[in-house]
Protein backbone atom coordinates (compact mmCIF):
# COMPACT_ATOMS: atom_id res chain seq x y z
CA UNK A 1 0.00 0.00 0.00
CA UNK A 2 1.32 3.45 -0.83
CA UNK A 3 2.34 5.84 1.85
CA UNK A 4 -0.51 7.83 3.41
CA UNK A 5 -0.72 11.56 2.75
CA UNK A 6 1.53 13.52 5.05
CA UNK A 7 -1.02 16.20 5.89
CA UNK A 8 -4.53 17.21 5.04
CA UNK A 9 -3.22 20.32 3.30
CA UNK A 10 -2.49 18.31 0.17
CA UNK A 11 -6.19 17.93 -0.59
CA UNK A 12 -7.70 21.40 -1.20
CA UNK A 13 -9.63 20.29 -4.28
CA UNK A 14 -11.62 17.82 -2.22
CA UNK A 15 -12.71 20.48 0.25
CA UNK A 16 -13.69 22.92 -2.46
CA UNK A 17 -15.49 20.35 -4.57
CA UNK A 18 -17.66 18.92 -1.85
CA UNK A 19 -18.88 22.33 -0.69
CA UNK A 20 -20.39 23.06 -4.08
CA UNK A 21 -22.15 19.69 -4.03
CA UNK A 22 -23.82 20.06 -0.63
CA UNK A 23 -24.88 23.71 -0.48
CA UNK A 24 -28.65 24.29 -0.30
CA UNK A 25 -28.79 25.42 -3.92
CA UNK A 26 -27.62 21.97 -5.01
CA UNK A 27 -30.27 20.03 -3.16
CA UNK A 28 -31.93 17.36 -5.18
CA UNK A 29 -35.73 17.27 -5.64
CA UNK A 30 -37.79 15.45 -3.07
CA UNK A 31 -39.13 11.93 -3.36
CA UNK A 32 -41.30 11.16 -6.33
CA UNK A 33 -44.99 10.40 -6.10
CA UNK A 34 -46.06 6.76 -6.50
CA UNK A 35 -47.01 7.22 -10.15
CA UNK A 36 -43.81 8.91 -11.26
CA UNK A 37 -40.69 7.09 -12.49
CA UNK A 38 -37.73 6.93 -10.14
CA UNK A 39 -35.11 9.60 -10.94
CA UNK A 40 -31.75 8.37 -12.14
CA UNK A 41 -30.04 10.06 -9.17
CA UNK A 42 -32.18 8.11 -6.69
CA UNK A 43 -31.41 4.83 -8.42
CA UNK A 44 -27.70 5.66 -8.35
CA UNK A 45 -27.89 6.50 -4.65
CA UNK A 46 -29.50 3.13 -3.98
CA UNK A 47 -26.77 1.12 -5.67
CA UNK A 48 -23.50 3.06 -5.93
CA UNK A 49 -22.60 3.23 -2.22
CA UNK A 50 -23.37 -0.45 -1.43
CA UNK A 51 -21.42 -1.58 -4.49
CA UNK A 52 -18.48 0.62 -3.50
CA UNK A 53 -18.49 -0.74 0.05
CA UNK A 54 -18.60 -4.34 -1.19
CA UNK A 55 -15.75 -3.67 -3.64
CA UNK A 56 -13.66 -2.10 -0.87
CA UNK A 57 -14.28 -5.04 1.48
CA UNK A 58 -13.41 -7.55 -1.25
CA UNK A 59 -10.17 -5.71 -2.02
CA UNK A 60 -9.14 -5.55 1.63
CA UNK A 61 -9.98 -9.21 2.29
CA UNK A 62 -8.26 -10.25 -0.91
CA UNK A 63 -5.15 -8.29 -0.08
CA UNK A 64 -4.85 -9.49 3.50
CA UNK A 65 -6.17 -13.03 3.17
CA UNK A 66 -5.37 -14.09 -0.39
CA UNK A 67 -2.34 -11.88 -1.06
CA UNK A 68 -3.74 -10.23 -4.18
CA UNK A 69 -0.77 -8.10 -5.13
CA UNK A 70 -2.82 -5.81 -7.39
CA UNK A 71 -4.72 -4.44 -4.38
CA UNK A 72 -1.56 -3.02 -2.83
CA UNK A 73 -2.74 -4.32 0.56
CA UNK A 74 -0.27 -6.56 2.36
CA UNK A 75 -0.13 -8.33 5.69
CA UNK A 76 2.24 -5.67 6.99
CA UNK A 77 -0.35 -2.91 6.59
CA UNK A 78 -2.36 -1.96 9.65
CA UNK A 79 -5.77 -0.39 10.09
CA UNK A 80 -4.09 2.98 10.61
CA UNK A 81 -2.56 2.80 7.13
CA UNK A 82 -5.90 1.82 5.62
CA UNK A 83 -7.71 4.72 7.29
CA UNK A 84 -5.43 7.21 5.55
CA UNK A 85 -6.62 5.81 2.23
CA UNK A 86 -10.35 5.32 2.76
CA UNK A 87 -11.63 7.94 5.24
CA UNK A 88 -11.75 10.97 2.94
CA UNK A 89 -13.12 9.08 -0.14
CA UNK A 90 -15.85 7.52 2.00
CA UNK A 91 -16.87 10.92 3.35
CA UNK A 92 -16.91 12.47 -0.15
CA UNK A 93 -18.95 9.57 -1.55
CA UNK A 94 -21.44 9.52 1.32
CA UNK A 95 -22.19 13.23 1.67
CA UNK A 96 -24.29 13.68 -1.51
CA UNK A 97 -26.27 10.54 -0.61
CA UNK A 98 -26.87 11.78 2.92
CA UNK A 99 -27.93 15.21 1.67
CA UNK A 100 -30.56 13.79 -0.67
CA UNK A 101 -31.93 11.22 1.77
CA UNK A 102 -31.44 12.87 5.17
CA UNK A 103 -35.17 13.37 5.75
CA UNK A 104 -36.48 10.08 4.33
CA UNK A 105 -33.80 7.94 5.99
CA UNK A 106 -33.31 9.92 9.19
CA UNK A 107 -33.57 6.90 11.49
CA UNK A 108 -31.33 4.77 9.29
CA UNK A 109 -28.64 7.47 9.16
CA UNK A 110 -28.72 7.82 12.95
CA UNK A 111 -28.25 4.08 13.32
CA UNK A 112 -25.32 4.13 10.89
CA UNK A 113 -23.65 7.03 12.72
CA UNK A 114 -24.19 5.30 16.05
CA UNK A 115 -22.61 2.09 14.77
CA UNK A 116 -19.63 4.00 13.35
CA UNK A 117 -19.13 5.87 16.61
CA UNK A 118 -19.36 2.69 18.67
CA UNK A 119 -16.95 0.81 16.41
CA UNK A 120 -14.48 3.69 16.53
CA UNK A 121 -14.59 3.81 20.34
CA UNK A 122 -13.98 0.04 20.55
CA UNK A 123 -11.02 0.27 18.18
CA UNK A 124 -9.47 3.15 20.10
CA UNK A 125 -9.82 1.32 23.43
CA UNK A 126 -8.45 -1.87 21.89
CA UNK A 127 -5.60 -0.17 20.08
CA UNK A 128 -4.36 1.92 22.99
CA UNK A 129 -5.48 -0.06 26.03
CA UNK A 130 -5.67 -3.72 25.00
CA UNK A 131 -2.65 -3.97 22.74
CA UNK A 132 -4.42 -4.66 19.45
CA UNK A 133 -1.34 -4.23 17.28
CA UNK A 134 -3.27 -4.77 14.05
CA UNK A 135 -4.98 -1.38 14.54
CA UNK A 136 -1.65 0.48 14.41
CA UNK A 137 -3.07 3.07 16.81
CA UNK A 138 -0.44 2.71 19.53
CA UNK A 139 2.14 5.48 19.36
CA UNK A 140 -0.03 7.87 17.38
CA UNK A 141 -0.69 11.19 19.11
CA UNK A 142 -3.47 13.76 18.92
CA UNK A 143 -1.45 15.53 16.20
CA UNK A 144 -1.52 12.36 14.07
CA UNK A 145 -5.29 12.04 14.53
CA UNK A 146 -5.76 15.66 13.48
CA UNK A 147 -3.79 15.00 10.31
CA UNK A 148 -6.02 12.02 9.60
CA UNK A 149 -9.47 13.31 10.54
CA UNK A 150 -9.46 17.13 10.49
CA UNK A 151 -10.37 17.55 6.83
CA UNK A 152 -12.94 14.69 6.65
CA UNK A 153 -14.69 15.90 9.83
CA UNK A 154 -14.87 19.50 8.64
CA UNK A 155 -16.20 18.44 5.25
CA UNK A 156 -18.76 16.14 6.89
CA UNK A 157 -19.93 18.98 9.16
CA UNK A 158 -20.42 21.54 6.39
CA UNK A 159 -23.71 20.14 4.99
CA UNK A 160 -25.15 19.91 8.51
CA UNK A 161 -24.15 23.50 9.13
CA UNK A 162 -25.67 24.67 5.84
CA UNK A 163 -29.02 23.08 6.68
CA UNK A 164 -29.23 23.99 10.39
CA UNK A 165 -27.15 27.10 11.06
CA UNK A 166 -30.21 29.38 11.00
CA UNK A 167 -32.43 27.50 13.47
CA UNK A 168 -29.54 26.11 15.55
CA UNK A 169 -27.47 29.27 15.68
CA UNK A 170 -27.10 29.14 19.46
CA UNK A 171 -26.10 25.49 19.45
CA UNK A 172 -23.51 26.01 16.75
CA UNK A 173 -22.06 28.97 18.65
CA UNK A 174 -21.77 26.96 21.86
CA UNK A 175 -20.23 24.04 20.00
CA UNK A 176 -17.67 26.32 18.34
CA UNK A 177 -16.73 27.94 21.64
CA UNK A 178 -16.35 24.54 23.33
CA UNK A 179 -14.20 23.29 20.45
CA UNK A 180 -12.03 26.40 20.60
CA UNK A 181 -11.62 26.08 24.39
CA UNK A 182 -10.61 22.42 24.06
CA UNK A 183 -8.10 23.28 21.35
CA UNK A 184 -6.52 26.05 23.41
CA UNK A 185 -6.32 23.71 26.40
CA UNK A 186 -4.48 21.05 24.42
CA UNK A 187 -2.09 23.63 22.97
CA UNK A 188 -1.22 24.94 26.43
CA UNK A 189 -0.86 21.42 27.77
CA UNK A 190 1.17 20.20 24.82
CA UNK A 191 3.68 23.03 24.80
CA UNK A 192 3.79 24.22 28.41
CA UNK A 193 2.76 21.25 30.55
CA UNK A 194 4.50 18.44 28.71
CA UNK A 195 1.41 16.50 27.61
CA UNK A 196 3.19 14.07 25.34
CA UNK A 197 -0.02 12.45 24.09
CA UNK A 198 -0.85 15.63 22.15
CA UNK A 199 2.26 15.34 19.97
CA UNK A 200 2.35 19.13 19.68
CA UNK A 201 5.85 19.70 21.04
CA UNK A 202 8.32 20.28 18.24
CA UNK A 203 5.73 21.44 15.73
CA UNK A 204 6.26 25.01 14.53
CA UNK A 205 3.90 27.67 13.20
CA UNK A 206 4.56 26.40 9.68
CA UNK A 207 3.47 22.90 10.70
CA UNK A 208 0.24 24.31 12.16
CA UNK A 209 -0.46 26.24 8.96
CA UNK A 210 0.02 23.08 6.89
CA UNK A 211 -2.31 21.21 9.22
CA UNK A 212 -5.12 23.76 9.59
CA UNK A 213 -5.14 25.91 6.46
CA UNK A 214 -7.10 23.58 4.20
CA UNK A 215 -9.31 21.77 6.77
CA UNK A 216 -10.51 24.94 8.47
CA UNK A 217 -9.73 28.18 6.63
CA UNK A 218 -10.91 27.10 3.17
CA UNK A 219 -14.22 25.46 4.26
CA UNK A 220 -14.89 28.36 6.67
CA UNK A 221 -14.41 30.87 3.86
CA UNK A 222 -16.68 28.92 1.52
CA UNK A 223 -19.32 28.58 4.24
CA UNK A 224 -19.18 32.33 4.91
CA UNK A 225 -19.67 33.19 1.23
CA UNK A 226 -22.54 30.70 0.97
CA UNK A 227 -24.20 32.18 4.06
CA UNK A 228 -23.86 35.68 2.64
CA UNK A 229 -25.38 34.58 -0.65
CA UNK A 230 -28.30 32.99 1.17
CA UNK A 231 -28.83 36.17 3.19
CA UNK A 232 -28.92 38.28 0.03
CA UNK A 233 -31.46 35.92 -1.55
CA UNK A 234 -33.63 36.11 1.59
CA UNK A 235 -33.57 39.91 1.53
CA UNK A 236 -34.55 39.92 -2.15
CA UNK A 237 -37.43 37.53 -1.53
CA UNK A 238 -38.63 39.70 1.37
CA UNK A 239 -38.48 42.82 -0.81
CA UNK A 240 -40.46 41.34 -3.71
CA UNK A 241 -43.93 41.40 -2.01
CA UNK A 242 -43.40 45.01 -0.92
CA UNK A 243 -42.46 46.01 -4.44
CA UNK A 244 -45.68 44.45 -5.77
CA UNK A 245 -48.00 46.49 -3.49
CA UNK A 246 -50.08 49.21 -5.26
CA UNK A 247 -49.02 51.87 -2.78
CA UNK A 248 -45.38 51.09 -3.43
CA UNK A 249 -45.88 51.43 -7.19
CA UNK A 250 -47.72 54.75 -6.79
CA UNK A 251 -45.02 56.13 -4.53
CA UNK A 252 -42.37 55.01 -6.97
CA UNK A 253 -44.22 56.73 -9.82
CA UNK A 254 -44.53 59.96 -7.86
CA UNK A 255 -40.84 59.92 -7.09
CA UNK A 256 -40.03 59.37 -10.78
CA UNK A 257 -42.30 62.27 -11.83
CA UNK A 258 -40.74 64.55 -9.30
């Protein structure tokens, strides 16, 4: 298997591309009525992700168990190496499907997220506490996890923010403040208090820029521009009924005559 990407900063195109595919303006039409044919997009959603998952599982099993050299997966590779390859593509492939089916399959998506979270917690406990060497987690610090998950997590959060930032403004603000406080705490602990598990010591400002520029600055900028565009559209829609009122037209005509 090839070497995993060094940092998330090498993948700006992925962050930019997924934002355009999950903004509210790109939402797909709702479910069809019983008498209408199924849209091609819905049929693709139903089959593409399961087929991709099956193909990935077959490749991994074939590489580990049957030594298929063409897969690039060998017995020396650990789960940590595999995660560097599959996490971001899985997020990019799943987001458009989630966006189009988030209301119809709300319960199913919650079950999937719960299973993923539970499996991740078990793997972390096993890798760090129970000596599961095949996970490859032992020895990796918080810095390594940020390199692996920062960009996928930010990209995965963008569609949720686009669809809920208006009605959940307070929740998003509290979440952001809590995240910022936790980040500052780990920075102080990593550099000043000798918290070795953070892996921060020895990393310079340039290293932080390489780590955070693409995962946070680029998506944040795109989200800000999208929010501004949505605000302008809302103001235009609010102004249209007022412009159509007879009194408004008369006043406009008087102003033009004067």
